[in-house]
């Protein structure tokens, strides 16, 4: 059978001290499960204590006042770079799809299954090429 662990009832002062410690760790970005482990309690107990105390939301870290505008400028710059990368990514995906279509046409012509360009169904092969390109 499993090992029986004796239950320990914490006093109000112990709970307050552990929650104060936990608040400090949460402000540093420590995960709840790690906080509970370090305090020697379960995650459920930690959440129950926080709920009973009324601390339902983890405090968000605040930026220093002098870093405000610089951070906003950097965020906008990163957003612009991400937007450009997304556009380039979609362009490259279309390019790969076109190349795969060309490859399929060449393979079929080499096998002697060539069709006339007017009757060639790009729709069927385009779907297959897009699936390959997305992998």
Protein backbone atom coordinates (compact mmCIF):
# COMPACT_ATOMS: atom_id res chain seq x y z
CA UNK A 1 0.00 0.00 0.00
CA UNK A 2 1.01 3.66 -0.25
CA UNK A 3 2.68 5.69 2.42
CA UNK A 4 0.24 7.58 4.63
CA UNK A 5 1.06 11.25 5.05
CA UNK A 6 -0.15 12.91 8.19
CA UNK A 7 -2.18 16.03 7.59
CA UNK A 8 -1.01 19.27 9.08
CA UNK A 9 -3.37 22.11 9.82
CA UNK A 10 -1.71 25.45 9.30
CA UNK A 11 -2.44 28.31 11.64
CA UNK A 12 -3.67 31.63 10.28
CA UNK A 13 -0.27 33.21 10.87
CA UNK A 14 1.47 30.35 8.98
CA UNK A 15 -0.96 30.73 6.10
CA UNK A 16 -0.43 34.50 6.00
CA UNK A 17 3.36 34.07 6.05
CA UNK A 18 3.29 31.43 3.29
CA UNK A 19 0.95 33.53 1.14
CA UNK A 20 3.21 36.57 1.57
CA UNK A 21 6.15 34.45 0.43
CA UNK A 22 4.04 33.12 -2.43
CA UNK A 23 3.09 36.65 -3.53
CA UNK A 24 6.76 37.55 -3.74
CA UNK A 25 7.51 34.48 -5.83
CA UNK A 26 4.48 35.13 -8.08
CA UNK A 27 5.67 38.70 -8.69
CA UNK A 28 8.98 37.21 -9.90
CA UNK A 29 7.08 34.99 -12.35
CA UNK A 30 7.39 31.66 -10.54
CA UNK A 31 4.71 29.13 -11.59
CA UNK A 32 1.96 28.21 -9.14
CA UNK A 33 2.97 24.55 -9.01
CA UNK A 34 6.55 25.55 -8.16
CA UNK A 35 5.33 27.97 -5.49
CA UNK A 36 3.21 25.25 -3.89
CA UNK A 37 6.09 22.79 -4.00
CA UNK A 38 8.48 25.24 -2.36
CA UNK A 39 5.93 26.03 0.36
CA UNK A 40 5.32 22.33 1.01
CA UNK A 41 1.62 22.42 0.17
CA UNK A 42 -0.52 21.17 -2.69
CA UNK A 43 -1.53 23.40 -5.59
CA UNK A 44 -5.17 23.00 -4.54
CA UNK A 45 -4.37 24.17 -1.01
CA UNK A 46 -2.48 27.15 -2.41
CA UNK A 47 -5.45 28.12 -4.61
CA UNK A 48 -7.92 27.56 -1.78
CA UNK A 49 -5.90 29.83 0.53
CA UNK A 50 -5.65 32.52 -2.16
CA UNK A 51 -9.37 32.34 -2.85
CA UNK A 52 -10.22 32.58 0.84
CA UNK A 53 -7.95 35.62 1.14
CA UNK A 54 -9.49 37.21 -1.93
CA UNK A 55 -6.36 37.17 -4.10
CA UNK A 56 -7.84 35.62 -7.22
CA UNK A 57 -5.67 37.37 -9.80
CA UNK A 58 -1.90 37.10 -9.97
CA UNK A 59 -0.39 40.59 -9.96
CA UNK A 60 1.02 41.65 -13.31
CA UNK A 61 4.61 42.87 -13.33
CA UNK A 62 4.82 46.61 -13.95
CA UNK A 63 7.29 48.30 -16.21
CA UNK A 64 9.52 50.97 -14.75
CA UNK A 65 8.23 54.46 -15.56
CA UNK A 66 11.32 55.43 -17.58
CA UNK A 67 11.15 52.32 -19.80
CA UNK A 68 7.59 52.99 -20.99
CA UNK A 69 8.10 54.73 -24.33
CA UNK A 70 11.18 52.72 -25.26
CA UNK A 71 9.28 49.47 -24.65
CA UNK A 72 6.31 50.65 -26.73
CA UNK A 73 8.63 51.61 -29.59
CA UNK A 74 10.34 48.20 -29.43
CA UNK A 75 6.97 46.42 -29.38
CA UNK A 76 5.79 48.34 -32.45
CA UNK A 77 9.03 47.53 -34.23
CA UNK A 78 8.65 43.83 -33.42
CA UNK A 79 5.02 43.86 -34.59
CA UNK A 80 6.16 45.38 -37.89
CA UNK A 81 8.84 42.73 -38.29
CA UNK A 82 6.34 39.97 -37.55
CA UNK A 83 3.91 41.41 -40.12
CA UNK A 84 6.68 41.51 -42.76
CA UNK A 85 7.70 37.93 -41.95
CA UNK A 86 4.10 36.74 -42.32
CA UNK A 87 3.85 38.39 -45.74
CA UNK A 88 7.15 36.85 -46.82
CA UNK A 89 6.05 33.46 -45.50
CA UNK A 90 2.83 33.53 -47.52
CA UNK A 91 4.75 34.61 -50.63
CA UNK A 92 7.22 31.75 -50.19
CA UNK A 93 4.38 29.26 -49.66
CA UNK A 94 2.80 30.34 -52.96
CA UNK A 95 6.18 30.01 -54.65
CA UNK A 96 6.65 26.48 -53.30
CA UNK A 97 3.13 25.55 -54.44
CA UNK A 98 3.86 26.82 -57.96
CA UNK A 99 7.14 24.88 -58.06
CA UNK A 100 5.41 21.71 -56.88
CA UNK A 101 2.79 22.12 -59.62
CA UNK A 102 5.54 22.48 -62.20
CA UNK A 103 7.25 19.38 -60.80
CA UNK A 104 4.01 17.37 -61.03
CA UNK A 105 3.51 18.46 -64.64
CA UNK A 106 7.07 17.46 -65.53
CA UNK A 107 6.75 14.07 -63.80
CA UNK A 108 3.52 13.32 -65.65
CA UNK A 109 5.02 14.33 -68.98
CA UNK A 110 8.03 12.07 -68.33
CA UNK A 111 5.72 9.14 -67.61
CA UNK A 112 3.96 9.69 -70.91
CA UNK A 113 0.72 10.76 -69.27
CA UNK A 114 1.01 14.26 -70.63
CA UNK A 115 -2.25 16.07 -71.19
CA UNK A 116 -2.85 19.04 -73.34
CA UNK A 117 -2.47 22.28 -71.41
CA UNK A 118 -6.11 23.20 -72.05
CA UNK A 119 -7.36 19.99 -70.40
CA UNK A 120 -4.84 19.98 -67.53
CA UNK A 121 -6.68 20.31 -64.21
CA UNK A 122 -4.59 22.62 -62.02
CA UNK A 123 -7.20 22.57 -59.25
CA UNK A 124 -6.63 18.94 -58.29
CA UNK A 125 -2.86 19.24 -58.36
CA UNK A 126 -2.86 22.64 -56.67
CA UNK A 127 -4.68 21.17 -53.67
CA UNK A 128 -2.15 18.32 -53.47
CA UNK A 129 0.75 20.75 -53.81
CA UNK A 130 -0.66 23.04 -51.07
CA UNK A 131 -0.92 20.08 -48.70
CA UNK A 132 2.72 19.18 -49.35
CA UNK A 133 3.81 22.82 -48.98
CA UNK A 134 2.10 23.18 -45.60
CA UNK A 135 3.95 20.21 -44.09
